């Protein structure tokens, strides 16, 4: 919903994982490049792309050093990616660099102050290697990172205000969209939409 229409738009999915979102976006007409640091995820994404008959370019690489020229994409996405990136500031700066002036960045992250994040932190403390390395951020921290990259904040939303329990989900999910527009306090998932200023065109020599 935050991305809007992607038809004929160039889009980079940073940390694409098994390609679920990237494949879905290609089916909506986007020209998608998926990037992931894990070769196993790139392999899984290629298999998904073949099965779904989508056209999707997949590249192994790191968010902190994107192998693309400046101004290459209309959109950049990073969904549950920054929590696993060691240098998030540099990663967002790179995502801003490869955006066209007027392009948009969408970030989706697990909110730090939620039961969902707490559950994963406990799993990390108990030895789970995936969640031991994860770093969850607040809305303010995400805003700071985005603005430090020279991007303009457009919108911040929250989602999933219920505990990780199916009964709670059935009861509280109908109120979730309303809560997400009112506050991000307690949200398990935080989404950020930001734009690259058109003034940036001069700084890139175009």
N, C-alpha and C. Protein backbone atom coordinates (compact mmCIF):
# COMPACT_ATOMS: atom_id res chain seq x y z
N UNK A 1 0.83 -1.20 0.00
CA UNK A 1 0.00 0.00 0.00
C UNK A 1 0.86 1.26 0.00
N UNK A 2 1.93 1.26 0.77
CA UNK A 2 2.82 2.43 0.79
C UNK A 2 3.56 2.60 -0.53
N UNK A 3 3.90 1.51 -1.17
CA UNK A 3 4.62 1.60 -2.43
C UNK A 3 3.76 2.21 -3.52
N UNK A 4 2.50 1.82 -3.57
CA UNK A 4 1.63 2.30 -4.62
C UNK A 4 1.85 1.53 -5.91
N UNK A 5 1.48 2.12 -7.04
CA UNK A 5 1.62 1.45 -8.33
C UNK A 5 3.10 1.30 -8.70
N UNK A 6 3.48 0.10 -9.12
CA UNK A 6 4.88 -0.15 -9.49
C UNK A 6 5.02 -0.50 -10.97
N UNK A 7 3.96 -0.41 -11.72
CA UNK A 7 3.99 -0.79 -13.13
C UNK A 7 5.08 -0.02 -13.88
N UNK A 8 5.97 -0.77 -14.54
CA UNK A 8 7.08 -0.23 -15.35
C UNK A 8 8.12 0.52 -14.53
N UNK A 9 8.08 0.39 -13.21
CA UNK A 9 9.06 1.05 -12.35
C UNK A 9 10.22 0.11 -12.03
N UNK A 10 11.43 0.68 -11.92
CA UNK A 10 12.59 -0.10 -11.51
C UNK A 10 12.63 -0.14 -9.98
N UNK A 11 12.84 -1.33 -9.45
CA UNK A 11 12.72 -1.52 -8.01
C UNK A 11 13.82 -2.46 -7.51
N UNK A 12 14.48 -2.07 -6.44
CA UNK A 12 15.51 -2.90 -5.81
C UNK A 12 15.00 -3.39 -4.47
N UNK A 13 14.98 -4.71 -4.30
CA UNK A 13 14.59 -5.34 -3.03
C UNK A 13 15.85 -5.79 -2.32
N UNK A 14 16.27 -5.02 -1.32
CA UNK A 14 17.50 -5.30 -0.59
C UNK A 14 17.21 -6.31 0.53
N UNK A 15 17.94 -7.42 0.52
CA UNK A 15 17.64 -8.50 1.46
C UNK A 15 16.39 -9.23 1.01
N UNK A 16 16.39 -9.65 -0.25
CA UNK A 16 15.16 -10.20 -0.85
C UNK A 16 14.80 -11.58 -0.32
N UNK A 17 15.72 -12.25 0.39
CA UNK A 17 15.42 -13.57 0.92
C UNK A 17 15.05 -14.55 -0.18
N UNK A 18 13.94 -15.27 0.01
CA UNK A 18 13.55 -16.28 -0.98
C UNK A 18 12.77 -15.71 -2.14
N UNK A 19 12.70 -14.39 -2.21
CA UNK A 19 12.11 -13.74 -3.38
C UNK A 19 10.61 -13.62 -3.38
N UNK A 20 9.95 -13.87 -2.25
CA UNK A 20 8.49 -13.83 -2.21
C UNK A 20 7.95 -12.45 -2.59
N UNK A 21 8.46 -11.41 -1.95
CA UNK A 21 7.98 -10.05 -2.24
C UNK A 21 8.43 -9.61 -3.63
N UNK A 22 9.68 -9.88 -3.98
CA UNK A 22 10.19 -9.48 -5.29
C UNK A 22 9.37 -10.10 -6.42
N UNK A 23 9.04 -11.38 -6.29
CA UNK A 23 8.24 -12.05 -7.32
C UNK A 23 6.85 -11.44 -7.41
N UNK A 24 6.26 -11.13 -6.25
CA UNK A 24 4.93 -10.52 -6.25
C UNK A 24 4.95 -9.17 -6.95
N UNK A 25 5.99 -8.39 -6.73
CA UNK A 25 6.07 -7.08 -7.35
C UNK A 25 6.25 -7.17 -8.86
N UNK A 26 6.97 -8.20 -9.33
CA UNK A 26 7.10 -8.37 -10.78
C UNK A 26 5.75 -8.68 -11.40
N UNK A 27 4.91 -9.41 -10.67
CA UNK A 27 3.58 -9.73 -11.20
C UNK A 27 2.69 -8.49 -11.28
N UNK A 28 3.10 -7.42 -10.58
CA UNK A 28 2.37 -6.16 -10.67
C UNK A 28 3.04 -5.20 -11.66
N UNK A 29 3.97 -5.73 -12.46
CA UNK A 29 4.54 -4.95 -13.54
C UNK A 29 5.85 -4.25 -13.26
N UNK A 30 6.43 -4.44 -12.05
CA UNK A 30 7.69 -3.80 -11.73
C UNK A 30 8.87 -4.52 -12.38
N UNK A 31 9.93 -3.78 -12.64
CA UNK A 31 11.18 -4.33 -13.13
C UNK A 31 12.07 -4.48 -11.90
N UNK A 32 12.17 -5.69 -11.36
CA UNK A 32 12.71 -5.90 -10.02
C UNK A 32 14.10 -6.53 -10.05
N UNK A 33 14.96 -5.99 -9.20
CA UNK A 33 16.25 -6.61 -8.90
C UNK A 33 16.23 -6.99 -7.43
N UNK A 34 16.50 -8.26 -7.15
CA UNK A 34 16.58 -8.72 -5.77
C UNK A 34 18.03 -8.95 -5.38
N UNK A 35 18.40 -8.48 -4.20
CA UNK A 35 19.77 -8.64 -3.72
C UNK A 35 19.75 -9.26 -2.33
N UNK A 36 20.63 -10.24 -2.11
CA UNK A 36 20.75 -10.85 -0.79
C UNK A 36 22.19 -11.31 -0.59
N UNK A 37 22.64 -11.23 0.67
CA UNK A 37 24.02 -11.63 0.98
C UNK A 37 24.17 -13.13 1.10
N UNK A 38 23.07 -13.85 1.23
CA UNK A 38 23.11 -15.30 1.44
C UNK A 38 22.89 -16.02 0.11
N UNK A 39 23.89 -16.74 -0.39
CA UNK A 39 23.71 -17.44 -1.67
C UNK A 39 22.58 -18.46 -1.65
N UNK A 40 22.30 -19.04 -0.48
CA UNK A 40 21.19 -20.00 -0.39
C UNK A 40 19.86 -19.31 -0.65
N UNK A 41 19.72 -18.06 -0.19
CA UNK A 41 18.49 -17.31 -0.43
C UNK A 41 18.35 -16.95 -1.91
N UNK A 42 19.45 -16.60 -2.55
CA UNK A 42 19.41 -16.30 -3.98
C UNK A 42 18.98 -17.54 -4.76
N UNK A 43 19.49 -18.71 -4.38
CA UNK A 43 19.09 -19.96 -5.03
C UNK A 43 17.60 -20.21 -4.84
N UNK A 44 17.11 -20.01 -3.62
CA UNK A 44 15.68 -20.21 -3.34
C UNK A 44 14.84 -19.23 -4.14
N UNK A 45 15.30 -17.99 -4.26
CA UNK A 45 14.55 -16.99 -5.02
C UNK A 45 14.51 -17.34 -6.51
N UNK A 46 15.61 -17.90 -7.02
CA UNK A 46 15.62 -18.30 -8.43
C UNK A 46 14.61 -19.42 -8.68
N UNK A 47 14.53 -20.35 -7.74
CA UNK A 47 13.56 -21.44 -7.88
C UNK A 47 12.14 -20.91 -7.86
N UNK A 48 11.88 -19.98 -6.95
CA UNK A 48 10.54 -19.38 -6.88
C UNK A 48 10.23 -18.65 -8.16
N UNK A 49 11.21 -17.90 -8.68
CA UNK A 49 11.00 -17.13 -9.90
C UNK A 49 10.67 -18.05 -11.07
N UNK A 50 11.35 -19.20 -11.15
CA UNK A 50 11.08 -20.15 -12.23
C UNK A 50 9.68 -20.72 -12.11
N UNK A 51 9.30 -21.08 -10.88
CA UNK A 51 7.99 -21.68 -10.66
C UNK A 51 6.87 -20.70 -10.99
N UNK A 52 7.04 -19.46 -10.59
CA UNK A 52 6.00 -18.45 -10.79
C UNK A 52 6.07 -17.79 -12.16
N UNK A 53 7.08 -18.19 -12.96
CA UNK A 53 7.24 -17.64 -14.32
C UNK A 53 7.36 -16.13 -14.30
N UNK A 54 8.13 -15.62 -13.36
CA UNK A 54 8.35 -14.18 -13.29
C UNK A 54 9.74 -13.83 -13.83
N UNK A 55 9.87 -12.60 -14.30
CA UNK A 55 11.17 -12.12 -14.74
C UNK A 55 11.76 -11.29 -13.61
N UNK A 56 12.84 -11.80 -13.04
CA UNK A 56 13.41 -11.18 -11.85
C UNK A 56 14.92 -11.34 -11.89
N UNK A 57 15.64 -10.23 -11.79
CA UNK A 57 17.09 -10.29 -11.73
C UNK A 57 17.52 -10.47 -10.28
N UNK A 58 18.38 -11.43 -10.03
CA UNK A 58 18.82 -11.73 -8.67
C UNK A 58 20.34 -11.65 -8.58
N UNK A 59 20.81 -10.95 -7.55
CA UNK A 59 22.23 -10.68 -7.39
C UNK A 59 22.64 -10.94 -5.96
N UNK A 60 23.77 -11.61 -5.77
CA UNK A 60 24.33 -11.79 -4.43
C UNK A 60 25.15 -10.55 -4.08
N UNK A 61 24.90 -9.97 -2.93
CA UNK A 61 25.63 -8.77 -2.54
C UNK A 61 25.20 -8.28 -1.18
N UNK A 62 25.90 -7.29 -0.68
CA UNK A 62 25.65 -6.75 0.66
C UNK A 62 24.98 -5.38 0.58
N UNK A 63 24.11 -5.12 1.54
CA UNK A 63 23.39 -3.85 1.58
C UNK A 63 24.32 -2.66 1.76
N UNK A 64 25.44 -2.88 2.45
CA UNK A 64 26.36 -1.77 2.73
C UNK A 64 27.17 -1.35 1.51
N UNK A 65 27.24 -2.18 0.49
CA UNK A 65 28.02 -1.87 -0.72
C UNK A 65 27.23 -2.34 -1.94
N UNK A 66 26.19 -1.62 -2.28
CA UNK A 66 25.33 -2.02 -3.38
C UNK A 66 26.06 -1.87 -4.73
N UNK A 67 26.04 -2.93 -5.55
CA UNK A 67 26.79 -2.91 -6.82
C UNK A 67 25.99 -2.27 -7.96
N UNK A 68 25.48 -1.07 -7.74
CA UNK A 68 24.68 -0.40 -8.74
C UNK A 68 25.09 1.07 -8.83
N UNK A 69 24.88 1.65 -9.99
CA UNK A 69 25.21 3.06 -10.18
C UNK A 69 24.24 3.95 -9.42
N UNK A 70 24.63 5.17 -9.18
CA UNK A 70 23.77 6.14 -8.53
C UNK A 70 22.55 6.43 -9.40
N UNK A 71 21.39 6.56 -8.76
CA UNK A 71 20.17 6.91 -9.48
C UNK A 71 19.63 5.82 -10.39
N UNK A 72 19.85 4.56 -10.04
CA UNK A 72 19.45 3.45 -10.91
C UNK A 72 18.00 3.02 -10.73
N UNK A 73 17.37 3.34 -9.59
CA UNK A 73 16.07 2.75 -9.27
C UNK A 73 15.03 3.81 -8.89
N UNK A 74 13.77 3.49 -9.22
CA UNK A 74 12.65 4.33 -8.79
C UNK A 74 12.29 4.08 -7.33
N UNK A 75 12.45 2.82 -6.89
CA UNK A 75 12.13 2.43 -5.53
C UNK A 75 13.25 1.54 -4.98
N UNK A 76 13.52 1.68 -3.69
CA UNK A 76 14.32 0.69 -2.99
C UNK A 76 13.52 0.22 -1.78
N UNK A 77 13.59 -1.09 -1.51
CA UNK A 77 12.87 -1.70 -0.40
C UNK A 77 13.85 -2.44 0.49
N UNK A 78 13.57 -2.44 1.78
CA UNK A 78 14.32 -3.27 2.73
C UNK A 78 13.34 -3.72 3.80
N UNK A 79 12.90 -4.96 3.70
CA UNK A 79 11.88 -5.49 4.62
C UNK A 79 12.52 -6.55 5.52
N UNK A 80 12.49 -6.29 6.82
CA UNK A 80 13.16 -7.12 7.83
C UNK A 80 14.58 -7.46 7.40
N UNK A 81 15.29 -6.43 6.99
CA UNK A 81 16.68 -6.57 6.53
C UNK A 81 17.65 -5.84 7.44
N UNK A 82 17.31 -4.59 7.80
CA UNK A 82 18.25 -3.76 8.57
C UNK A 82 18.59 -4.36 9.92
N UNK A 83 17.68 -5.14 10.50
CA UNK A 83 17.96 -5.73 11.81
C UNK A 83 19.10 -6.74 11.75
N UNK A 84 19.46 -7.18 10.54
CA UNK A 84 20.56 -8.13 10.39
C UNK A 84 21.80 -7.50 9.74
N UNK A 85 21.76 -6.19 9.50
CA UNK A 85 22.88 -5.49 8.86
C UNK A 85 23.74 -4.84 9.93
N UNK A 86 25.03 -5.07 9.86
CA UNK A 86 25.93 -4.53 10.89
C UNK A 86 26.00 -3.01 10.85
N UNK A 87 26.06 -2.43 9.66
CA UNK A 87 26.17 -0.98 9.53
C UNK A 87 24.92 -0.45 8.82
N UNK A 88 23.85 -0.26 9.57
CA UNK A 88 22.57 0.17 9.00
C UNK A 88 22.67 1.57 8.40
N UNK A 89 23.44 2.45 9.01
CA UNK A 89 23.58 3.82 8.48
C UNK A 89 24.16 3.79 7.07
N UNK A 90 25.20 2.99 6.89
CA UNK A 90 25.81 2.89 5.56
C UNK A 90 24.86 2.23 4.58
N UNK A 91 24.12 1.22 5.03
CA UNK A 91 23.19 0.53 4.14
C UNK A 91 22.11 1.48 3.62
N UNK A 92 21.55 2.30 4.50
CA UNK A 92 20.51 3.24 4.07
C UNK A 92 21.11 4.31 3.16
N UNK A 93 22.33 4.74 3.45
CA UNK A 93 23.00 5.71 2.57
C UNK A 93 23.17 5.12 1.18
N UNK A 94 23.50 3.84 1.10
CA UNK A 94 23.63 3.18 -0.19
C UNK A 94 22.29 3.08 -0.91
N UNK A 95 21.25 2.75 -0.16
CA UNK A 95 19.92 2.67 -0.77
C UNK A 95 19.46 4.03 -1.27
N UNK A 96 19.83 5.08 -0.56
CA UNK A 96 19.51 6.44 -1.02
C UNK A 96 20.33 6.79 -2.26
N UNK A 97 21.58 6.38 -2.29
CA UNK A 97 22.45 6.69 -3.43
C UNK A 97 21.90 6.12 -4.74
N UNK A 98 21.40 4.88 -4.69
CA UNK A 98 20.95 4.24 -5.94
C UNK A 98 19.53 4.65 -6.33
N UNK A 99 18.87 5.47 -5.51
CA UNK A 99 17.55 6.00 -5.87
C UNK A 99 17.67 7.15 -6.85
N UNK A 100 16.75 7.21 -7.79
CA UNK A 100 16.64 8.38 -8.65
C UNK A 100 16.14 9.57 -7.82
N UNK A 101 16.51 10.80 -8.17
CA UNK A 101 15.88 11.94 -7.53
C UNK A 101 14.36 11.86 -7.66
N UNK A 102 13.66 12.02 -6.55
CA UNK A 102 12.22 11.83 -6.55
C UNK A 102 11.81 10.40 -6.28
N UNK A 103 12.78 9.48 -6.20
CA UNK A 103 12.49 8.08 -5.92
C UNK A 103 12.13 7.88 -4.46
N UNK A 104 11.65 6.68 -4.15
CA UNK A 104 11.16 6.42 -2.80
C UNK A 104 11.80 5.18 -2.18
N UNK A 105 12.00 5.27 -0.88
CA UNK A 105 12.53 4.17 -0.08
C UNK A 105 11.44 3.69 0.87
N UNK A 106 11.25 2.38 0.95
CA UNK A 106 10.32 1.78 1.90
C UNK A 106 11.09 0.80 2.79
N UNK A 107 11.01 1.02 4.10
CA UNK A 107 11.65 0.15 5.07
C UNK A 107 10.57 -0.50 5.93
N UNK A 108 10.70 -1.78 6.18
CA UNK A 108 9.82 -2.48 7.10
C UNK A 108 10.67 -3.23 8.11
N UNK A 109 10.47 -2.95 9.41
CA UNK A 109 11.29 -3.55 10.45
C UNK A 109 10.45 -3.96 11.65
N UNK A 110 10.92 -4.96 12.38
CA UNK A 110 10.30 -5.30 13.65
C UNK A 110 10.58 -4.19 14.66
N UNK A 111 9.53 -3.67 15.29
CA UNK A 111 9.70 -2.62 16.29
C UNK A 111 10.37 -3.14 17.56
N UNK A 112 11.22 -2.34 18.15
CA UNK A 112 11.97 -2.79 19.33
C UNK A 112 11.06 -3.09 20.51
N UNK A 113 10.09 -2.20 20.77
CA UNK A 113 9.27 -2.34 21.98
C UNK A 113 7.96 -3.05 21.66
N UNK A 114 8.06 -4.34 21.39
CA UNK A 114 6.88 -5.15 21.12
C UNK A 114 7.09 -6.54 21.67
N UNK A 115 6.00 -7.25 21.89
CA UNK A 115 6.10 -8.62 22.37
C UNK A 115 6.78 -9.52 21.35
N UNK A 116 6.58 -9.23 20.08
CA UNK A 116 7.19 -10.04 19.03
C UNK A 116 8.71 -9.92 19.07
N UNK A 117 9.22 -8.70 19.22
CA UNK A 117 10.66 -8.50 19.30
C UNK A 117 11.21 -9.12 20.58
N UNK A 118 10.46 -8.96 21.68
CA UNK A 118 10.91 -9.54 22.95
C UNK A 118 11.04 -11.05 22.84
N UNK A 119 10.08 -11.67 22.19
CA UNK A 119 10.12 -13.12 22.00
C UNK A 119 11.38 -13.54 21.24
N UNK A 120 11.74 -12.78 20.22
CA UNK A 120 12.92 -13.10 19.43
C UNK A 120 14.21 -12.80 20.18
N UNK A 121 14.20 -11.74 21.00
CA UNK A 121 15.38 -11.46 21.83
C UNK A 121 15.65 -12.61 22.80
N UNK A 122 14.58 -13.14 23.38
CA UNK A 122 14.74 -14.27 24.31
C UNK A 122 15.30 -15.48 23.58
N UNK A 123 14.82 -15.73 22.38
CA UNK A 123 15.35 -16.83 21.59
C UNK A 123 16.83 -16.64 21.30
N UNK A 124 17.24 -15.40 21.06
CA UNK A 124 18.65 -15.10 20.86
C UNK A 124 19.47 -15.36 22.11
N UNK A 125 18.95 -14.92 23.25
CA UNK A 125 19.65 -15.16 24.52
C UNK A 125 19.80 -16.65 24.81
N UNK A 126 18.83 -17.43 24.32
CA UNK A 126 18.85 -18.88 24.56
C UNK A 126 19.71 -19.63 23.54
N UNK A 127 20.32 -18.88 22.61
CA UNK A 127 21.28 -19.49 21.70
C UNK A 127 20.92 -19.52 20.23
N UNK A 128 19.73 -19.03 19.85
CA UNK A 128 19.37 -19.01 18.43
C UNK A 128 20.31 -18.05 17.70
N UNK A 129 21.12 -18.54 16.75
CA UNK A 129 22.13 -17.68 16.10
C UNK A 129 21.52 -16.57 15.25
N UNK A 130 20.35 -16.82 14.67
CA UNK A 130 19.72 -15.80 13.83
C UNK A 130 19.32 -14.59 14.66
N UNK A 131 18.60 -14.82 15.75
CA UNK A 131 18.07 -13.71 16.53
C UNK A 131 19.08 -13.15 17.52
N UNK A 132 20.14 -13.88 17.79
CA UNK A 132 21.20 -13.34 18.65
C UNK A 132 21.86 -12.14 17.98
N UNK A 133 21.97 -12.17 16.67
CA UNK A 133 22.64 -11.10 15.93
C UNK A 133 21.71 -9.96 15.56
N UNK A 134 20.41 -10.12 15.76
CA UNK A 134 19.46 -9.10 15.30
C UNK A 134 19.45 -7.87 16.20
N UNK A 135 19.22 -6.72 15.58
CA UNK A 135 19.09 -5.45 16.31
C UNK A 135 17.78 -4.79 15.92
N UNK A 136 16.88 -4.69 16.87
CA UNK A 136 15.57 -4.09 16.61
C UNK A 136 15.62 -2.60 16.95
N UNK A 137 14.90 -1.79 16.17
CA UNK A 137 14.98 -0.34 16.32
C UNK A 137 13.62 0.27 16.58
N UNK A 138 13.68 1.46 17.17
CA UNK A 138 12.46 2.23 17.42
C UNK A 138 12.13 3.08 16.20
N UNK A 139 10.94 3.66 16.21
CA UNK A 139 10.55 4.59 15.14
C UNK A 139 11.53 5.75 15.06
N UNK A 140 11.91 6.30 16.21
CA UNK A 140 12.83 7.44 16.22
C UNK A 140 14.18 7.07 15.62
N UNK A 141 14.67 5.88 15.92
CA UNK A 141 15.96 5.44 15.37
C UNK A 141 15.89 5.27 13.86
N UNK A 142 14.79 4.71 13.36
CA UNK A 142 14.63 4.56 11.92
C UNK A 142 14.54 5.92 11.23
N UNK A 143 13.81 6.84 11.85
CA UNK A 143 13.72 8.20 11.30
C UNK A 143 15.10 8.86 11.22
N UNK A 144 15.88 8.72 12.26
CA UNK A 144 17.22 9.31 12.30
C UNK A 144 18.10 8.75 11.19
N UNK A 145 18.05 7.44 10.99
CA UNK A 145 18.86 6.81 9.95
C UNK A 145 18.45 7.29 8.56
N UNK A 146 17.16 7.39 8.32
CA UNK A 146 16.67 7.81 7.02
C UNK A 146 17.04 9.27 6.74
N UNK A 147 16.84 10.13 7.71
CA UNK A 147 17.15 11.55 7.52
C UNK A 147 18.65 11.79 7.39
N UNK A 148 19.46 10.97 8.05
CA UNK A 148 20.92 11.09 7.93
C UNK A 148 21.38 10.77 6.51
N UNK A 149 20.59 10.00 5.78
CA UNK A 149 20.91 9.66 4.39
C UNK A 149 20.43 10.73 3.42
N UNK A 150 19.86 11.82 3.93
CA UNK A 150 19.41 12.92 3.08
C UNK A 150 18.04 12.72 2.48
N UNK A 151 17.25 11.79 3.02
CA UNK A 151 15.92 11.53 2.52
C UNK A 151 14.87 12.27 3.35
N UNK A 152 13.75 12.56 2.73
CA UNK A 152 12.65 13.24 3.41
C UNK A 152 11.61 12.22 3.88
N UNK A 153 11.25 12.28 5.15
CA UNK A 153 10.21 11.39 5.66
C UNK A 153 8.87 11.76 5.05
N UNK A 154 8.12 10.76 4.62
CA UNK A 154 6.79 10.96 4.07
C UNK A 154 5.73 10.38 5.00
N UNK A 155 5.95 9.15 5.46
CA UNK A 155 4.94 8.51 6.31
C UNK A 155 5.58 7.40 7.12
N UNK A 156 5.08 7.23 8.36
CA UNK A 156 5.48 6.12 9.21
C UNK A 156 4.21 5.45 9.70
N UNK A 157 4.16 4.14 9.61
CA UNK A 157 3.00 3.39 10.09
C UNK A 157 3.44 2.22 10.96
N UNK A 158 2.54 1.82 11.83
CA UNK A 158 2.75 0.61 12.62
C UNK A 158 1.77 -0.46 12.19
N UNK A 159 2.06 -1.70 12.58
CA UNK A 159 1.16 -2.82 12.30
C UNK A 159 1.42 -3.91 13.32
N UNK A 160 0.43 -4.75 13.52
CA UNK A 160 0.48 -5.90 14.43
C UNK A 160 0.66 -5.42 15.88
N UNK A 161 -0.47 -5.05 16.48
CA UNK A 161 -0.47 -4.55 17.86
C UNK A 161 -0.90 -5.63 18.85
N UNK A 162 -1.16 -6.81 18.36
CA UNK A 162 -1.61 -7.90 19.22
C UNK A 162 -0.42 -8.82 19.55
N UNK A 163 -0.47 -9.56 20.63
CA UNK A 163 0.61 -10.48 20.98
C UNK A 163 0.67 -11.65 20.01
N UNK A 164 1.79 -12.38 19.98
CA UNK A 164 1.94 -13.51 19.06
C UNK A 164 1.07 -14.70 19.47
N UNK A 165 -0.22 -14.55 19.22
CA UNK A 165 -1.20 -15.55 19.65
C UNK A 165 -2.38 -15.48 18.66
N UNK A 166 -2.77 -16.63 18.12
CA UNK A 166 -3.80 -16.64 17.08
C UNK A 166 -5.14 -16.12 17.58
N UNK A 167 -5.49 -16.41 18.84
CA UNK A 167 -6.76 -15.92 19.39
C UNK A 167 -6.75 -14.39 19.45
N UNK A 168 -5.63 -13.84 19.93
CA UNK A 168 -5.51 -12.38 20.01
C UNK A 168 -5.56 -11.77 18.61
N UNK A 169 -4.96 -12.43 17.65
CA UNK A 169 -4.97 -11.92 16.28
C UNK A 169 -6.39 -11.82 15.74
N UNK A 170 -7.18 -12.87 15.95
CA UNK A 170 -8.56 -12.86 15.46
C UNK A 170 -9.39 -11.75 16.11
N UNK A 171 -9.12 -11.48 17.38
CA UNK A 171 -9.89 -10.47 18.10
C UNK A 171 -9.47 -9.05 17.76
N UNK A 172 -8.16 -8.83 17.61
CA UNK A 172 -7.64 -7.47 17.51
C UNK A 172 -7.23 -7.03 16.11
N UNK A 173 -7.07 -7.97 15.20
CA UNK A 173 -6.62 -7.62 13.85
C UNK A 173 -7.52 -6.59 13.16
N UNK A 174 -8.85 -6.63 13.34
CA UNK A 174 -9.69 -5.62 12.67
C UNK A 174 -9.35 -4.18 13.06
N UNK A 175 -8.82 -3.97 14.25
CA UNK A 175 -8.47 -2.62 14.70
C UNK A 175 -7.06 -2.22 14.29
N UNK A 176 -6.32 -3.17 13.73
CA UNK A 176 -4.91 -2.94 13.45
C UNK A 176 -4.65 -1.78 12.48
N UNK A 177 -5.35 -1.70 11.34
CA UNK A 177 -5.09 -0.59 10.41
C UNK A 177 -5.32 0.78 11.04
N UNK A 178 -6.35 0.89 11.87
CA UNK A 178 -6.63 2.16 12.53
C UNK A 178 -5.51 2.53 13.50
N UNK A 179 -5.08 1.56 14.30
CA UNK A 179 -3.98 1.81 15.24
C UNK A 179 -2.71 2.20 14.51
N UNK A 180 -2.45 1.55 13.38
CA UNK A 180 -1.22 1.82 12.63
C UNK A 180 -1.12 3.23 12.12
N UNK A 181 -2.27 3.89 11.91
CA UNK A 181 -2.25 5.28 11.45
C UNK A 181 -2.21 6.27 12.62
N UNK A 182 -2.48 5.77 13.83
CA UNK A 182 -2.51 6.65 15.00
C UNK A 182 -1.17 6.69 15.73
N UNK A 183 -0.50 5.52 15.82
CA UNK A 183 0.72 5.45 16.62
C UNK A 183 1.52 4.22 16.21
N UNK A 184 2.81 4.25 16.50
CA UNK A 184 3.65 3.05 16.31
C UNK A 184 4.03 2.45 17.66
N UNK A 185 3.55 3.03 18.75
CA UNK A 185 3.88 2.53 20.08
C UNK A 185 3.35 1.11 20.27
N UNK A 186 4.22 0.17 20.55
CA UNK A 186 3.82 -1.21 20.75
C UNK A 186 3.67 -2.01 19.47
N UNK A 187 3.89 -1.39 18.30
CA UNK A 187 3.73 -2.10 17.03
C UNK A 187 4.84 -3.12 16.84
N UNK A 188 4.47 -4.32 16.42
CA UNK A 188 5.47 -5.34 16.12
C UNK A 188 6.20 -5.02 14.83
N UNK A 189 5.52 -4.33 13.92
CA UNK A 189 6.10 -4.04 12.62
C UNK A 189 5.96 -2.54 12.34
N UNK A 190 7.06 -1.92 11.92
CA UNK A 190 7.08 -0.49 11.61
C UNK A 190 7.47 -0.31 10.15
N UNK A 191 6.70 0.47 9.43
CA UNK A 191 7.03 0.77 8.04
C UNK A 191 7.33 2.25 7.88
N UNK A 192 8.34 2.54 7.08
CA UNK A 192 8.79 3.91 6.84
C UNK A 192 8.78 4.16 5.34
N UNK A 193 8.18 5.25 4.92
CA UNK A 193 8.21 5.70 3.53
C UNK A 193 8.95 7.03 3.47
N UNK A 194 9.99 7.08 2.65
CA UNK A 194 10.78 8.30 2.52
C UNK A 194 11.07 8.57 1.05
N UNK A 195 11.35 9.84 0.74
CA UNK A 195 11.61 10.23 -0.65
C UNK A 195 12.95 10.91 -0.81
N UNK A 196 13.53 10.75 -1.98
CA UNK A 196 14.80 11.41 -2.29
C UNK A 196 14.50 12.76 -2.93
N UNK A 197 15.04 13.83 -2.39
CA UNK A 197 14.74 15.16 -2.93
C UNK A 197 15.19 15.30 -4.39
N UNK A 198 14.41 16.04 -5.17
CA UNK A 198 14.82 16.31 -6.54
C UNK A 198 16.09 17.15 -6.58
N UNK A 199 16.35 17.91 -5.52
CA UNK A 199 17.57 18.72 -5.47
C UNK A 199 18.82 17.87 -5.52
N UNK A 200 18.68 16.57 -5.17
CA UNK A 200 19.84 15.69 -5.17
C UNK A 200 20.38 15.46 -6.56
N UNK A 201 19.61 15.84 -7.59
CA UNK A 201 20.07 15.59 -8.95
C UNK A 201 21.35 16.36 -9.26
N UNK A 202 21.50 17.56 -8.68
CA UNK A 202 22.69 18.33 -8.93
C UNK A 202 23.93 17.73 -8.30
N UNK A 203 23.78 17.15 -7.12
CA UNK A 203 24.91 16.58 -6.40
C UNK A 203 25.44 15.32 -7.07
N UNK A 204 24.63 14.71 -7.96
CA UNK A 204 25.06 13.48 -8.62
C UNK A 204 25.56 13.76 -10.04
N UNK A 205 25.57 15.03 -10.39
CA UNK A 205 26.17 15.40 -11.67
C UNK A 205 25.33 15.07 -12.89
N UNK A 206 24.02 14.89 -12.72
CA UNK A 206 23.16 14.58 -13.85
C UNK A 206 22.54 15.86 -14.39
